[in-house]
Amino acid sequence: MPIFAVHYTYPDDTTEMLKIRPEHREWLTGLPGLLVAGMYQPGTDEVSEGEPTDQEPANGALIVCSAESIEELTATFDQDPYWVGGHVLRRVVRTWDPPLGPWVADPTNSPG
């Protein structure tokens, strides 16, 4: 089954978004194929000397999951309470086929 990386970009002010965080997390917990999910923590941006830019806002998340197709995954993610509530400014969904790492080296760890 294909693996997908879903990148969310959130608004700078997450006050309203965090009010429905429990509903969003409950939705994620029940998501078939969920492998890992979480909001990005502070880091560095090598291009902008550590400061967030308009191209890469400070608030975002990465969700990795498996699904039958990108169309199925996108339709499923249309039901995310954050998406429905308008709290996701940008959603990028990409097929992800990692060639290296423990998931690949040890087939028993493989999420696909």
PDB file of N, CA and C in Angstrom:
ATOM      1  N   MET A   1       0.853  -1.171   0.000  1.00  0.00           N
ATOM      2  CA  MET A   1       0.000   0.000   0.000  1.00  0.00           C
ATOM      3  C   MET A   1       0.900   1.235   0.000  1.00  0.00           C
ATOM      4  N   PRO A   2       0.629   2.212  -0.855  1.00  0.00           N
ATOM      5  CA  PRO A   2       1.462   3.416  -0.921  1.00  0.00           C
ATOM      6  C   PRO A   2       1.462   4.200   0.399  1.00  0.00           C
ATOM      7  N   ILE A   3       2.578   4.888   0.625  1.00  0.00           N
ATOM      8  CA  ILE A   3       2.733   5.754   1.786  1.00  0.00           C
ATOM      9  C   ILE A   3       2.683   7.193   1.300  1.00  0.00           C
ATOM     10  N   PHE A   4       2.050   8.056   2.096  1.00  0.00           N
ATOM     11  CA  PHE A   4       1.918   9.461   1.739  1.00  0.00           C
ATOM     12  C   PHE A   4       2.384  10.345   2.882  1.00  0.00           C
ATOM     13  N   ALA A   5       3.031  11.448   2.516  1.00  0.00           N
ATOM     14  CA  ALA A   5       3.397  12.484   3.469  1.00  0.00           C
ATOM     15  C   ALA A   5       2.426  13.641   3.247  1.00  0.00           C
ATOM     16  N   VAL A   6       1.772  14.050   4.315  1.00  0.00           N
ATOM     17  CA  VAL A   6       0.814  15.152   4.254  1.00  0.00           C
ATOM     18  C   VAL A   6       1.389  16.294   5.093  1.00  0.00           C
ATOM     19  N   HIS A   7       1.630  17.417   4.444  1.00  0.00           N
ATOM     20  CA  HIS A   7       2.156  18.592   5.138  1.00  0.00           C
ATOM     21  C   HIS A   7       1.030  19.608   5.282  1.00  0.00           C
ATOM     22  N   TYR A   8       0.814  20.048   6.511  1.00  0.00           N
ATOM     23  CA  TYR A   8      -0.166  21.098   6.793  1.00  0.00           C
ATOM     24  C   TYR A   8       0.580  22.383   7.129  1.00  0.00           C
ATOM     25  N   THR A   9       0.037  23.509   6.698  1.00  0.00           N
ATOM     26  CA  THR A   9       0.503  24.819   7.129  1.00  0.00           C
ATOM     27  C   THR A   9      -0.644  25.465   7.876  1.00  0.00           C
ATOM     28  N   TYR A  10      -0.347  25.928   9.094  1.00  0.00           N
ATOM     29  CA  TYR A  10      -1.358  26.545   9.954  1.00  0.00           C
ATOM     30  C   TYR A  10      -1.151  28.054  10.018  1.00  0.00           C
ATOM     31  N   PRO A  11      -2.181  28.778  10.468  1.00  0.00           N
ATOM     32  CA  PRO A  11      -2.027  30.229  10.629  1.00  0.00           C
ATOM     33  C   PRO A  11      -1.028  30.557  11.748  1.00  0.00           C
ATOM     34  N   ASP A  12      -0.525  31.788  11.723  1.00  0.00           N
ATOM     35  CA  ASP A  12       0.402  32.226  12.774  1.00  0.00           C
ATOM     36  C   ASP A  12      -0.269  32.190  14.145  1.00  0.00           C
ATOM     37  N   ASP A  13      -1.521  32.611  14.208  1.00  0.00           N
ATOM     38  CA  ASP A  13      -2.271  32.585  15.463  1.00  0.00           C
ATOM     39  C   ASP A  13      -3.111  31.306  15.478  1.00  0.00           C
ATOM     40  N   THR A  14      -2.735  30.368  16.340  1.00  0.00           N
ATOM     41  CA  THR A  14      -3.416  29.074  16.392  1.00  0.00           C
ATOM     42  C   THR A  14      -4.445  28.993  17.519  1.00  0.00           C
ATOM     43  N   THR A  15      -4.782  30.124  18.117  1.00  0.00           N
ATOM     44  CA  THR A  15      -5.702  30.134  19.261  1.00  0.00           C
ATOM     45  C   THR A  15      -7.016  29.432  18.951  1.00  0.00           C
ATOM     46  N   GLU A  16      -7.676  29.805  17.872  1.00  0.00           N
ATOM     47  CA  GLU A  16      -8.965  29.201  17.506  1.00  0.00           C
ATOM     48  C   GLU A  16      -8.797  27.741  17.108  1.00  0.00           C
ATOM     49  N   MET A  17      -7.737  27.446  16.395  1.00  0.00           N
ATOM     50  CA  MET A  17      -7.477  26.091  15.941  1.00  0.00           C
ATOM     51  C   MET A  17      -7.315  25.139  17.127  1.00  0.00           C
ATOM     52  N   LEU A  18      -6.623  25.581  18.141  1.00  0.00           N
ATOM     53  CA  LEU A  18      -6.353  24.717  19.290  1.00  0.00           C
ATOM     54  C   LEU A  18      -7.621  24.398  20.085  1.00  0.00           C
ATOM     55  N   LYS A  19      -8.667  25.174  19.897  1.00  0.00           N
ATOM     56  CA  LYS A  19      -9.941  24.884  20.571  1.00  0.00           C
ATOM     57  C   LYS A  19     -10.543  23.569  20.080  1.00  0.00           C
ATOM     58  N   ILE A  20     -10.273  23.221  18.823  1.00  0.00           N
ATOM     59  CA  ILE A  20     -10.811  21.958  18.299  1.00  0.00           C
ATOM     60  C   ILE A  20      -9.735  20.882  18.190  1.00  0.00           C
ATOM     61  N   ARG A  21      -8.587  21.122  18.811  1.00  0.00           N
ATOM     62  CA  ARG A  21      -7.502  20.144  18.770  1.00  0.00           C
ATOM     63  C   ARG A  21      -7.940  18.756  19.261  1.00  0.00           C
ATOM     64  N   PRO A  22      -8.712  18.651  20.359  1.00  0.00           N
ATOM     65  CA  PRO A  22      -9.137  17.302  20.781  1.00  0.00           C
ATOM     66  C   PRO A  22      -9.934  16.565  19.702  1.00  0.00           C
ATOM     67  N   GLU A  23     -10.804  17.282  18.994  1.00  0.00           N
ATOM     68  CA  GLU A  23     -11.594  16.682  17.913  1.00  0.00           C
ATOM     69  C   GLU A  23     -10.670  16.246  16.762  1.00  0.00           C
ATOM     70  N   HIS A  24      -9.694  17.094  16.429  1.00  0.00           N
ATOM     71  CA  HIS A  24      -8.719  16.773  15.374  1.00  0.00           C
ATOM     72  C   HIS A  24      -7.908  15.534  15.759  1.00  0.00           C
ATOM     73  N   ARG A  25      -7.441  15.470  16.987  1.00  0.00           N
ATOM     74  CA  ARG A  25      -6.625  14.328  17.426  1.00  0.00           C
ATOM     75  C   ARG A  25      -7.447  13.044  17.487  1.00  0.00           C
ATOM     76  N   GLU A  26      -8.696  13.154  17.884  1.00  0.00           N
ATOM     77  CA  GLU A  26      -9.569  11.971  17.887  1.00  0.00           C
ATOM     78  C   GLU A  26      -9.759  11.473  16.459  1.00  0.00           C
ATOM     79  N   TRP A  27      -9.954  12.400  15.526  1.00  0.00           N
ATOM     80  CA  TRP A  27     -10.099  12.038  14.117  1.00  0.00           C
ATOM     81  C   TRP A  27      -8.826  11.338  13.626  1.00  0.00           C
ATOM     82  N   LEU A  28      -7.660  11.908  13.943  1.00  0.00           N
ATOM     83  CA  LEU A  28      -6.391  11.300  13.524  1.00  0.00           C
ATOM     84  C   LEU A  28      -6.206   9.909  14.115  1.00  0.00           C
ATOM     85  N   THR A  29      -6.548   9.753  15.381  1.00  0.00           N
ATOM     86  CA  THR A  29      -6.377   8.468  16.056  1.00  0.00           C
ATOM     87  C   THR A  29      -7.173   7.369  15.373  1.00  0.00           C
ATOM     88  N   GLY A  30      -8.322   7.702  14.832  1.00  0.00           N
ATOM     89  CA  GLY A  30      -9.152   6.716  14.145  1.00  0.00           C
ATOM     90  C   GLY A  30      -8.846   6.570  12.668  1.00  0.00           C
ATOM     91  N   LEU A  31      -7.842   7.281  12.192  1.00  0.00           N
ATOM     92  CA  LEU A  31      -7.512   7.277  10.766  1.00  0.00           C
ATOM     93  C   LEU A  31      -6.861   5.962  10.354  1.00  0.00           C
ATOM     94  N   PRO A  32      -7.496   5.202   9.452  1.00  0.00           N
ATOM     95  CA  PRO A  32      -6.867   3.962   8.979  1.00  0.00           C
ATOM     96  C   PRO A  32      -5.553   4.284   8.261  1.00  0.00           C
ATOM     97  N   GLY A  33      -4.525   3.518   8.539  1.00  0.00           N
ATOM     98  CA  GLY A  33      -3.250   3.711   7.867  1.00  0.00           C
ATOM     99  C   GLY A  33      -2.339   4.759   8.489  1.00  0.00           C
ATOM    100  N   LEU A  34      -2.755   5.391   9.587  1.00  0.00           N
ATOM    101  CA  LEU A  34      -1.904   6.404  10.217  1.00  0.00           C
ATOM    102  C   LEU A  34      -0.615   5.769  10.705  1.00  0.00           C
ATOM    103  N   LEU A  35       0.515   6.374  10.347  1.00  0.00           N
ATOM    104  CA  LEU A  35       1.822   5.881  10.781  1.00  0.00           C
ATOM    105  C   LEU A  35       2.447   6.799  11.821  1.00  0.00           C
ATOM    106  N   VAL A  36       2.373   8.094  11.590  1.00  0.00           N
ATOM    107  CA  VAL A  36       2.930   9.073  12.522  1.00  0.00           C
ATOM    108  C   VAL A  36       2.336  10.445  12.193  1.00  0.00           C
ATOM    109  N   ALA A  37       2.160  11.265  13.222  1.00  0.00           N
ATOM    110  CA  ALA A  37       1.613  12.602  13.001  1.00  0.00           C
ATOM    111  C   ALA A  37       2.070  13.525  14.110  1.00  0.00           C
ATOM    112  N   GLY A  38       2.312  14.765  13.763  1.00  0.00           N
ATOM    113  CA  GLY A  38       2.664  15.731  14.789  1.00  0.00           C
ATOM    114  C   GLY A  38       2.983  17.086  14.204  1.00  0.00           C
ATOM    115  N   MET A  39       2.798  18.096  15.048  1.00  0.00           N
ATOM    116  CA  MET A  39       3.091  19.471  14.682  1.00  0.00           C
ATOM    117  C   MET A  39       4.607  19.674  14.729  1.00  0.00           C
ATOM    118  N   TYR A  40       5.107  20.445  13.788  1.00  0.00           N
ATOM    119  CA  TYR A  40       6.525  20.763  13.797  1.00  0.00           C
ATOM    120  C   TYR A  40       6.861  21.589  15.031  1.00  0.00           C
ATOM    121  N   GLN A  41       8.042  21.376  15.564  1.00  0.00           N
ATOM    122  CA  GLN A  41       8.556  22.144  16.687  1.00  0.00           C
ATOM    123  C   GLN A  41       9.517  23.199  16.144  1.00  0.00           C
ATOM    124  N   PRO A  42       9.900  24.183  16.965  1.00  0.00           N
ATOM    125  CA  PRO A  42      10.844  25.199  16.474  1.00  0.00           C
ATOM    126  C   PRO A  42      12.106  24.550  15.924  1.00  0.00           C
ATOM    127  N   GLY A  43      12.621  25.115  14.861  1.00  0.00           N
ATOM    128  CA  GLY A  43      13.812  24.589  14.217  1.00  0.00           C
ATOM    129  C   GLY A  43      14.571  25.700  13.535  1.00  0.00           C
ATOM    130  N   THR A  44      15.358  25.347  12.567  1.00  0.00           N
ATOM    131  CA  THR A  44      16.098  26.357  11.823  1.00  0.00           C
ATOM    132  C   THR A  44      15.742  26.265  10.358  1.00  0.00           C
ATOM    133  N   ASP A  45      15.820  27.386   9.721  1.00  0.00           N
ATOM    134  CA  ASP A  45      15.596  27.487   8.282  1.00  0.00           C
ATOM    135  C   ASP A  45      16.910  27.979   7.699  1.00  0.00           C
ATOM    136  N   GLU A  46      17.631  27.094   7.051  1.00  0.00           N
ATOM    137  CA  GLU A  46      18.964  27.429   6.563  1.00  0.00           C
ATOM    138  C   GLU A  46      18.952  28.565   5.539  1.00  0.00           C
ATOM    139  N   VAL A  47      17.873  28.700   4.804  1.00  0.00           N
ATOM    140  CA  VAL A  47      17.804  29.738   3.777  1.00  0.00           C
ATOM    141  C   VAL A  47      17.606  31.113   4.395  1.00  0.00           C
ATOM    142  N   SER A  48      16.767  31.178   5.433  1.00  0.00           N
ATOM    143  CA  SER A  48      16.430  32.486   6.012  1.00  0.00           C
ATOM    144  C   SER A  48      17.147  32.737   7.336  1.00  0.00           C
ATOM    145  N   GLU A  49      18.246  32.053   7.557  1.00  0.00           N
ATOM    146  CA  GLU A  49      19.059  32.220   8.764  1.00  0.00           C
ATOM    147  C   GLU A  49      18.252  31.981  10.033  1.00  0.00           C
ATOM    148  N   GLY A  50      17.374  30.984   9.983  1.00  0.00           N
ATOM    149  CA  GLY A  50      16.644  30.584  11.171  1.00  0.00           C
ATOM    150  C   GLY A  50      15.296  31.226  11.374  1.00  0.00           C
ATOM    151  N   GLU A  51      14.977  32.238  10.616  1.00  0.00           N
ATOM    152  CA  GLU A  51      13.695  32.920  10.771  1.00  0.00           C
ATOM    153  C   GLU A  51      12.676  32.371   9.781  1.00  0.00           C
ATOM    154  N   PRO A  52      11.429  32.147  10.234  1.00  0.00           N
ATOM    155  CA  PRO A  52      10.394  31.712   9.289  1.00  0.00           C
ATOM    156  C   PRO A  52      10.203  32.760   8.194  1.00  0.00           C
ATOM    157  N   THR A  53       9.832  32.299   7.019  1.00  0.00           N
ATOM    158  CA  THR A  53       9.580  33.200   5.902  1.00  0.00           C
ATOM    159  C   THR A  53       8.139  33.054   5.459  1.00  0.00           C
ATOM    160  N   ASP A  54       7.720  33.915   4.551  1.00  0.00           N
ATOM    161  CA  ASP A  54       6.369  33.795   3.997  1.00  0.00           C
ATOM    162  C   ASP A  54       6.200  32.466   3.277  1.00  0.00           C
ATOM    163  N   GLN A  55       7.282  31.926   2.728  1.00  0.00           N
ATOM    164  CA  GLN A  55       7.212  30.659   2.020  1.00  0.00           C
ATOM    165  C   GLN A  55       7.142  29.470   2.978  1.00  0.00           C
ATOM    166  N   GLU A  56       7.647  29.625   4.185  1.00  0.00           N
ATOM    167  CA  GLU A  56       7.666  28.531   5.159  1.00  0.00           C
ATOM    168  C   GLU A  56       7.226  29.066   6.518  1.00  0.00           C
ATOM    169  N   PRO A  57       5.910  29.180   6.732  1.00  0.00           N
ATOM    170  CA  PRO A  57       5.403  29.703   7.993  1.00  0.00           C
ATOM    171  C   PRO A  57       5.865  28.874   9.194  1.00  0.00           C
ATOM    172  N   ALA A  58       5.800  29.476  10.365  1.00  0.00           N
ATOM    173  CA  ALA A  58       6.308  28.847  11.581  1.00  0.00           C
ATOM    174  C   ALA A  58       5.480  27.645  12.015  1.00  0.00           C
ATOM    175  N   ASN A  59       4.186  27.646  11.760  1.00  0.00           N
ATOM    176  CA  ASN A  59       3.311  26.580  12.250  1.00  0.00           C
ATOM    177  C   ASN A  59       2.926  25.616  11.140  1.00  0.00           C
ATOM    178  N   GLY A  60       3.181  24.352  11.398  1.00  0.00           N
ATOM    179  CA  GLY A  60       2.832  23.332  10.419  1.00  0.00           C
ATOM    180  C   GLY A  60       2.912  21.959  11.053  1.00  0.00           C
ATOM    181  N   ALA A  61       2.561  20.951  10.279  1.00  0.00           N
ATOM    182  CA  ALA A  61       2.577  19.576  10.775  1.00  0.00           C
ATOM    183  C   ALA A  61       2.895  18.616   9.646  1.00  0.00           C
ATOM    184  N   LEU A  62       3.325  17.435  10.048  1.00  0.00           N
ATOM    185  CA  LEU A  62       3.579  16.341   9.116  1.00  0.00           C
ATOM    186  C   LEU A  62       2.771  15.140   9.570  1.00  0.00           C
ATOM    187  N   ILE A  63       2.041  14.553   8.640  1.00  0.00           N
ATOM    188  CA  ILE A  63       1.273  13.335   8.895  1.00  0.00           C
ATOM    189  C   ILE A  63       1.702  12.329   7.830  1.00  0.00           C
ATOM    190  N   VAL A  64       2.107  11.141   8.271  1.00  0.00           N
ATOM    191  CA  VAL A  64       2.515  10.091   7.347  1.00  0.00           C
ATOM    192  C   VAL A  64       1.536   8.942   7.509  1.00  0.00           C
ATOM    193  N   CYS A  65       0.963   8.507   6.392  1.00  0.00           N
ATOM    194  CA  CYS A  65       0.010   7.401   6.461  1.00  0.00           C
ATOM    195  C   CYS A  65      -0.003   6.630   5.147  1.00  0.00           C
ATOM    196  N   SER A  66      -0.582   5.467   5.213  1.00  0.00           N
ATOM    197  CA  SER A  66      -0.734   4.659   4.008  1.00  0.00           C
ATOM    198  C   SER A  66      -2.201   4.686   3.585  1.00  0.00           C
ATOM    199  N   ALA A  67      -2.402   4.545   2.292  1.00  0.00           N
ATOM    200  CA  ALA A  67      -3.759   4.536   1.726  1.00  0.00           C
ATOM    201  C   ALA A  67      -3.685   3.878   0.356  1.00  0.00           C
ATOM    202  N   GLU A  68      -4.831   3.519  -0.163  1.00  0.00           N
ATOM    203  CA  GLU A  68      -4.882   2.865  -1.477  1.00  0.00           C
ATOM    204  C   GLU A  68      -4.463   3.801  -2.604  1.00  0.00           C
ATOM    205  N   SER A  69      -4.807   5.100  -2.479  1.00  0.00           N
ATOM    206  CA  SER A  69      -4.498   6.051  -3.546  1.00  0.00           C
ATOM    207  C   SER A  69      -4.466   7.460  -2.974  1.00  0.00           C
ATOM    208  N   ILE A  70      -3.868   8.358  -3.736  1.00  0.00           N
ATOM    209  CA  ILE A  70      -3.826   9.760  -3.321  1.00  0.00           C
ATOM    210  C   ILE A  70      -5.240  10.355  -3.306  1.00  0.00           C
ATOM    211  N   GLU A  71      -6.075   9.891  -4.216  1.00  0.00           N
ATOM    212  CA  GLU A  71      -7.462  10.381  -4.256  1.00  0.00           C
ATOM    213  C   GLU A  71      -8.224   9.953  -3.003  1.00  0.00           C
ATOM    214  N   GLU A  72      -8.033   8.689  -2.598  1.00  0.00           N
ATOM    215  CA  GLU A  72      -8.690   8.201  -1.381  1.00  0.00           C
ATOM    216  C   GLU A  72      -8.204   8.977  -0.164  1.00  0.00           C
ATOM    217  N   LEU A  73      -6.897   9.176  -0.097  1.00  0.00           N
ATOM    218  CA  LEU A  73      -6.321   9.889   1.040  1.00  0.00           C
ATOM    219  C   LEU A  73      -6.834  11.326   1.105  1.00  0.00           C
ATOM    220  N   THR A  74      -6.841  12.004  -0.028  1.00  0.00           N
ATOM    221  CA  THR A  74      -7.309  13.394  -0.064  1.00  0.00           C
ATOM    222  C   THR A  74      -8.771  13.487   0.354  1.00  0.00           C
ATOM    223  N   ALA A  75      -9.597  12.586  -0.124  1.00  0.00           N
ATOM    224  CA  ALA A  75     -11.012  12.584   0.273  1.00  0.00           C
ATOM    225  C   ALA A  75     -11.151  12.358   1.774  1.00  0.00           C
ATOM    226  N   THR A  76     -10.328  11.475   2.316  1.00  0.00           N
ATOM    227  CA  THR A  76     -10.352  11.224   3.761  1.00  0.00           C
ATOM    228  C   THR A  76      -9.933  12.468   4.523  1.00  0.00           C
ATOM    229  N   PHE A  77      -8.864  13.110   4.082  1.00  0.00           N
ATOM    230  CA  PHE A  77      -8.367  14.294   4.784  1.00  0.00           C
ATOM    231  C   PHE A  77      -9.283  15.502   4.635  1.00  0.00           C
ATOM    232  N   ASP A  78     -10.185  15.459   3.678  1.00  0.00           N
ATOM    233  CA  ASP A  78     -11.205  16.515   3.578  1.00  0.00           C
ATOM    234  C   ASP A  78     -12.121  16.511   4.795  1.00  0.00           C
ATOM    235  N   GLN A  79     -12.119  15.418   5.568  1.00  0.00           N
ATOM    236  CA  GLN A  79     -12.974  15.297   6.753  1.00  0.00           C
ATOM    237  C   GLN A  79     -12.268  15.729   8.044  1.00  0.00           C
ATOM    238  N   ASP A  80     -10.986  16.050   7.974  1.00  0.00           N
ATOM    239  CA  ASP A  80     -10.237  16.473   9.161  1.00  0.00           C
ATOM    240  C   ASP A  80     -10.886  17.731   9.737  1.00  0.00           C
ATOM    241  N   PRO A  81     -11.198  17.744  11.032  1.00  0.00           N
ATOM    242  CA  PRO A  81     -11.799  18.929  11.644  1.00  0.00           C
ATOM    243  C   PRO A  81     -10.990  20.216  11.440  1.00  0.00           C
ATOM    244  N   TYR A  82      -9.670  20.121  11.389  1.00  0.00           N
ATOM    245  CA  TYR A  82      -8.863  21.313  11.101  1.00  0.00           C
ATOM    246  C   TYR A  82      -9.132  21.824   9.690  1.00  0.00           C
ATOM    247  N   TRP A  83      -9.257  20.910   8.735  1.00  0.00           N
ATOM    248  CA  TRP A  83      -9.532  21.287   7.345  1.00  0.00           C
ATOM    249  C   TRP A  83     -10.939  21.857   7.222  1.00  0.00           C
ATOM    250  N   VAL A  84     -11.907  21.155   7.786  1.00  0.00           N
ATOM    251  CA  VAL A  84     -13.306  21.586   7.731  1.00  0.00           C
ATOM    252  C   VAL A  84     -13.465  22.960   8.379  1.00  0.00           C
ATOM    253  N   GLY A  85     -12.730  23.188   9.470  1.00  0.00           N
ATOM    254  CA  GLY A  85     -12.817  24.462  10.193  1.00  0.00           C
ATOM    255  C   GLY A  85     -12.029  25.598   9.571  1.00  0.00           C
ATOM    256  N   GLY A  86     -11.325  25.331   8.475  1.00  0.00           N
ATOM    257  CA  GLY A  86     -10.566  26.376   7.799  1.00  0.00           C
ATOM    258  C   GLY A  86      -9.247  26.720   8.472  1.00  0.00           C
ATOM    259  N   HIS A  87      -8.715  25.824   9.296  1.00  0.00           N
ATOM    260  CA  HIS A  87      -7.482  26.091  10.024  1.00  0.00           C
ATOM    261  C   HIS A  87      -6.233  25.624   9.284  1.00  0.00           C
ATOM    262  N   VAL A  88      -6.396  24.955   8.160  1.00  0.00           N
ATOM    263  CA  VAL A  88      -5.259  24.524   7.356  1.00  0.00           C
ATOM    264  C   VAL A  88      -5.152  25.500   6.187  1.00  0.00           C
ATOM    265  N   LEU A  89      -4.083  26.290   6.184  1.00  0.00           N
ATOM    266  CA  LEU A  89      -3.898  27.268   5.114  1.00  0.00           C
ATOM    267  C   LEU A  89      -3.418  26.616   3.822  1.00  0.00           C
ATOM    268  N   ARG A  90      -2.643  25.548   3.993  1.00  0.00           N
ATOM    269  CA  ARG A  90      -2.112  24.838   2.823  1.00  0.00           C
ATOM    270  C   ARG A  90      -1.953  23.375   3.194  1.00  0.00           C
ATOM    271  N   ARG A  91      -2.334  22.513   2.282  1.00  0.00           N
ATOM    272  CA  ARG A  91      -2.171  21.073   2.468  1.00  0.00           C
ATOM    273  C   ARG A  91      -1.457  20.532   1.241  1.00  0.00           C
ATOM    274  N   VAL A  92      -0.318  19.896   1.463  1.00  0.00           N
ATOM    275  CA  VAL A  92       0.451  19.283   0.384  1.00  0.00           C
ATOM    276  C   VAL A  92       0.483  17.784   0.650  1.00  0.00           C
ATOM    277  N   VAL A  93       0.024  16.997  -0.315  1.00  0.00           N
ATOM    278  CA  VAL A  93       0.009  15.541  -0.187  1.00  0.00           C
ATOM    279  C   VAL A  93       0.934  14.980  -1.266  1.00  0.00           C
ATOM    280  N   ARG A  94       1.899  14.180  -0.817  1.00  0.00           N
ATOM    281  CA  ARG A  94       2.848  13.597  -1.762  1.00  0.00           C
ATOM    282  C   ARG A  94       3.025  12.117  -1.482  1.00  0.00           C
ATOM    283  N   THR A  95       3.145  11.348  -2.548  1.00  0.00           N
ATOM    284  CA  THR A  95       3.515   9.950  -2.394  1.00  0.00           C
ATOM    285  C   THR A  95       4.942   9.925  -1.867  1.00  0.00           C
ATOM    286  N   TRP A  96       5.181   9.041  -0.904  1.00  0.00           N
ATOM    287  CA  TRP A  96       6.498   8.970  -0.274  1.00  0.00           C
ATOM    288  C   TRP A  96       6.937   7.519  -0.260  1.00  0.00           C
ATOM    289  N   ASP A  97       8.033   7.239  -0.936  1.00  0.00           N
ATOM    290  CA  ASP A  97       8.545   5.876  -1.049  1.00  0.00           C
ATOM    291  C   ASP A  97       9.991   5.871  -0.566  1.00  0.00           C
ATOM    292  N   PRO A  98      10.200   5.847   0.767  1.00  0.00           N
ATOM    293  CA  PRO A  98      11.556   5.971   1.292  1.00  0.00           C
ATOM    294  C   PRO A  98      12.431   4.763   0.941  1.00  0.00           C
ATOM    295  N   PRO A  99      13.617   5.009   0.338  1.00  0.00           N
ATOM    296  CA  PRO A  99      14.503   3.901  -0.018  1.00  0.00           C
ATOM    297  C   PRO A  99      15.473   3.512   1.094  1.00  0.00           C
ATOM    298  N   LEU A 100      15.587   4.326   2.140  1.00  0.00           N
ATOM    299  CA  LEU A 100      16.566   4.087   3.198  1.00  0.00           C
ATOM    300  C   LEU A 100      15.925   4.193   4.570  1.00  0.00           C
ATOM    301  N   GLY A 101      16.554   3.569   5.539  1.00  0.00           N
ATOM    302  CA  GLY A 101      16.111   3.682   6.918  1.00  0.00           C
ATOM    303  C   GLY A 101      15.585   2.374   7.462  1.00  0.00           C
ATOM    304  N   PRO A 102      15.258   2.359   8.759  1.00  0.00           N
ATOM    305  CA  PRO A 102      14.848   1.112   9.395  1.00  0.00           C
ATOM    306  C   PRO A 102      13.557   0.511   8.852  1.00  0.00           C
ATOM    307  N   TRP A 103      12.648   1.328   8.354  1.00  0.00           N
ATOM    308  CA  TRP A 103      11.416   0.771   7.779  1.00  0.00           C
ATOM    309  C   TRP A 103      11.746  -0.074   6.556  1.00  0.00           C
ATOM    310  N   VAL A 104      12.762   0.344   5.820  1.00  0.00           N
ATOM    311  CA  VAL A 104      13.132  -0.368   4.596  1.00  0.00           C
ATOM    312  C   VAL A 104      14.105  -1.511   4.907  1.00  0.00           C
ATOM    313  N   ALA A 105      15.052  -1.273   5.787  1.00  0.00           N
ATOM    314  CA  ALA A 105      16.085  -2.267   6.109  1.00  0.00           C
ATOM    315  C   ALA A 105      15.486  -3.496   6.799  1.00  0.00           C
ATOM    316  N   ASP A 106      14.479  -3.297   7.621  1.00  0.00           N
ATOM    317  CA  ASP A 106      13.834  -4.400   8.346  1.00  0.00           C
ATOM    318  C   ASP A 106      12.375  -4.480   7.909  1.00  0.00           C
ATOM    319  N   PRO A 107      12.023  -5.422   7.038  1.00  0.00           N
ATOM    320  CA  PRO A 107      10.664  -5.509   6.505  1.00  0.00           C
ATOM    321  C   PRO A 107       9.588  -5.619   7.566  1.00  0.00           C
ATOM    322  N   THR A 108       9.925  -6.094   8.764  1.00  0.00           N
ATOM    323  CA  THR A 108       8.914  -6.187   9.817  1.00  0.00           C
ATOM    324  C   THR A 108       8.520  -4.813  10.340  1.00  0.00           C
ATOM    325  N   ASN A 109       9.351  -3.802  10.092  1.00  0.00           N
ATOM    326  CA  ASN A 109       9.036  -2.428  10.491  1.00  0.00           C
ATOM    327  C   ASN A 109       8.328  -1.656   9.391  1.00  0.00           C
ATOM    328  N   SER A 110       8.297  -2.206   8.196  1.00  0.00           N
ATOM    329  CA  SER A 110       7.771  -1.495   7.043  1.00  0.00           C
ATOM    330  C   SER A 110       6.322  -1.093   7.237  1.00  0.00           C
ATOM    331  N   PRO A 111       6.018   0.221   7.089  1.00  0.00           N
ATOM    332  CA  PRO A 111       4.653   0.681   7.217  1.00  0.00           C
ATOM    333  C   PRO A 111       3.808   0.310   6.018  1.00  0.00           C
ATOM    334  N   GLY A 112       4.435   0.032   4.876  1.00  0.00           N
ATOM    335  CA  GLY A 112       3.690  -0.277   3.664  1.00  0.00           C
ATOM    336  C   GLY A 112       3.453  -1.721   3.602  1.00  0.00           C
TER     337      GLY A 112
END
